Amino acid sequence: MAKVEPFAFILIAIVAFSKMSAYRTSTIEDIGHEMQIEISGASQNQCPHVQENSCDQYFRWLIKNDIQNCCVFLNKVSKQCQCSVIQQTHDKHQPKAGGTAKKRLHDAAQSLPKDCKLSLKDCQIAGPKD
């Protein structure tokens, strides 16, 4: 019975450590800003939720001069998450757009992979929501 106690203690310590390390914080540098993103260990295959990024300025006004900072940022994001980041940023700005601006916003999001010369060539961005 005395041999079971150390085993139980070790098992509890392993479980506690795995719960503590189930969350980690990643930092993506974004043109002079740093963003911290919490990534759940259970969903490491999924893309993190991004708050503010350099694409916000571009999506806010759709001015071509702002696209360069957005492209630099997207190239720092892992390839498998680039479309997700574009979609999230699109979805954040889409409710603020009115009328034809919603279509322009969608078209801009759809063309970002090509405009930024990302290694992925296409993102299927969900269209304007009414």
Protein backbone atom coordinates (compact mmCIF):
# COMPACT_ATOMS: atom_id res chain seq x y z
CA MET A 1 0.00 0.00 0.00
CA ALA A 2 2.92 2.36 0.69
CA LYS A 3 4.05 1.99 -2.94
CA VAL A 4 0.67 3.21 -4.19
CA GLU A 5 0.91 6.60 -2.47
CA PRO A 6 4.00 7.82 -4.39
CA PHE A 7 2.41 6.59 -7.62
CA ALA A 8 -0.83 8.44 -6.83
CA PHE A 9 1.13 11.59 -5.96
CA ILE A 10 3.04 11.43 -9.26
CA LEU A 11 -0.18 10.82 -11.20
CA ILE A 12 -1.87 13.81 -9.55
CA ALA A 13 1.19 15.99 -10.24
CA ILE A 14 1.18 14.99 -13.92
CA VAL A 15 -2.53 15.73 -14.30
CA ALA A 16 -2.16 19.09 -12.52
CA PHE A 17 0.81 20.06 -14.69
CA SER A 18 -0.98 19.10 -17.90
CA LYS A 19 -3.97 21.26 -16.91
CA MET A 20 -1.67 24.19 -16.16
CA SER A 21 0.15 23.85 -19.47
CA ALA A 22 -3.06 23.41 -21.47
CA TYR A 23 -2.95 27.15 -22.08
CA ARG A 24 -0.05 29.04 -23.47
CA THR A 25 0.33 32.57 -24.68
CA SER A 26 1.72 33.34 -28.10
CA THR A 27 2.88 36.73 -29.19
CA ILE A 28 2.68 37.95 -32.76
CA GLU A 29 4.50 41.19 -33.42
CA ASP A 30 2.39 43.49 -35.52
CA ILE A 31 4.16 46.57 -36.87
CA GLY A 32 5.22 48.03 -33.56
CA HIS A 33 2.40 46.44 -31.58
CA GLU A 34 2.47 43.17 -29.77
CA MET A 35 -0.61 41.03 -29.51
CA GLN A 36 -0.92 38.23 -27.07
CA ILE A 37 -3.17 35.39 -28.05
CA GLU A 38 -4.23 32.66 -25.66
CA ILE A 39 -4.27 29.29 -27.33
CA SER A 40 -6.03 26.40 -25.68
CA GLY A 41 -4.00 23.19 -25.60
CA ALA A 42 -7.11 21.26 -26.52
CA SER A 43 -7.54 23.22 -29.71
CA GLN A 44 -3.97 23.79 -30.89
CA ASN A 45 -4.96 22.65 -34.37
CA GLN A 46 -7.40 25.55 -34.58
CA CYS A 47 -6.44 29.13 -35.27
CA PRO A 48 -6.40 31.64 -32.43
CA HIS A 49 -8.88 34.47 -32.16
CA VAL A 50 -7.14 37.69 -33.15
CA GLN A 51 -8.17 40.96 -31.54
CA GLU A 52 -6.53 44.00 -33.15
CA ASN A 53 -4.16 43.71 -36.08
CA SER A 54 -2.69 45.74 -38.93
CA CYS A 55 -5.48 44.64 -41.26
CA ASP A 56 -8.02 46.58 -39.20
CA GLN A 57 -6.84 49.88 -40.68
CA TYR A 58 -7.18 48.48 -44.20
CA PHE A 59 -10.63 47.00 -43.58
CA ARG A 60 -11.80 50.17 -41.85
CA TRP A 61 -11.20 52.42 -44.86
CA LEU A 62 -10.28 50.08 -47.75
CA ILE A 63 -7.44 52.39 -48.75
CA LYS A 64 -4.80 50.62 -50.83
CA ASN A 65 -2.01 52.45 -48.97
CA ASP A 66 -2.96 50.54 -45.80
CA ILE A 67 -2.72 47.13 -47.44
CA GLN A 68 1.07 46.87 -47.08
CA ASN A 69 0.96 46.72 -43.26
CA CYS A 70 -1.85 44.18 -43.48
CA CYS A 71 0.21 42.02 -45.86
CA VAL A 72 3.26 42.17 -43.58
CA PHE A 73 1.09 41.03 -40.68
CA LEU A 74 -0.57 38.20 -42.66
CA ASN A 75 2.82 36.89 -43.73
CA LYS A 76 3.73 36.51 -40.05
CA VAL A 77 0.62 34.40 -39.41
CA SER A 78 0.92 30.65 -40.03
CA LYS A 79 -0.31 29.63 -43.48
CA GLN A 80 -3.12 27.47 -42.11
CA CYS A 81 -4.49 30.45 -40.10
CA GLN A 82 -4.24 33.23 -42.69
CA CYS A 83 -7.77 32.73 -44.07
CA SER A 84 -9.16 32.55 -40.54
CA VAL A 85 -7.52 35.86 -39.62
CA ILE A 86 -8.86 37.47 -42.80
CA GLN A 87 -12.34 36.12 -42.08
CA GLN A 88 -12.24 37.29 -38.44
CA THR A 89 -11.14 40.78 -39.45
CA HIS A 90 -13.77 40.89 -42.20
CA ASP A 91 -16.48 39.79 -39.76
CA LYS A 92 -15.42 42.43 -37.24
CA HIS A 93 -15.77 45.29 -39.75
CA GLN A 94 -18.68 43.98 -41.82
CA PRO A 95 -21.49 45.02 -39.40
CA LYS A 96 -20.20 48.61 -39.51
CA ALA A 97 -20.38 48.74 -43.31
CA GLY A 98 -23.53 49.81 -45.05
CA GLY A 99 -25.00 49.01 -48.45
CA THR A 100 -22.41 48.65 -51.19
CA ALA A 101 -19.58 48.95 -48.65
CA LYS A 102 -20.38 45.40 -47.47
CA LYS A 103 -19.71 44.04 -50.95
CA ARG A 104 -16.52 46.11 -51.29
CA LEU A 105 -15.37 44.81 -47.90
CA HIS A 106 -16.07 41.22 -48.95
CA ASP A 107 -14.28 41.67 -52.28
CA ALA A 108 -11.28 43.20 -50.50
CA ALA A 109 -11.11 40.28 -48.04
CA GLN A 110 -11.47 37.75 -50.86
CA SER A 111 -8.61 39.28 -52.83
CA LEU A 112 -6.15 39.72 -49.92
CA PRO A 113 -4.31 36.41 -50.52
CA LYS A 114 -3.56 37.47 -54.09
CA ASP A 115 -2.91 41.14 -53.23
CA CYS A 116 -0.52 40.15 -50.43
CA LYS A 117 1.11 37.39 -52.50
CA LEU A 118 0.43 34.87 -49.74
CA SER A 119 1.52 31.30 -50.37
CA LEU A 120 -2.12 30.22 -50.27
CA LYS A 121 -3.90 31.46 -53.33
CA ASP A 122 -7.53 31.57 -52.25
CA CYS A 123 -9.71 32.04 -49.18
CA GLN A 124 -13.40 31.35 -49.23
CA ILE A 125 -14.58 34.34 -47.21
CA ALA A 126 -18.18 34.16 -46.05
CA GLY A 127 -20.09 36.91 -47.81
CA PRO A 128 -21.91 39.92 -46.44
CA LYS A 129 -24.31 39.18 -43.62
CA ASP A 130 -27.54 41.12 -43.48
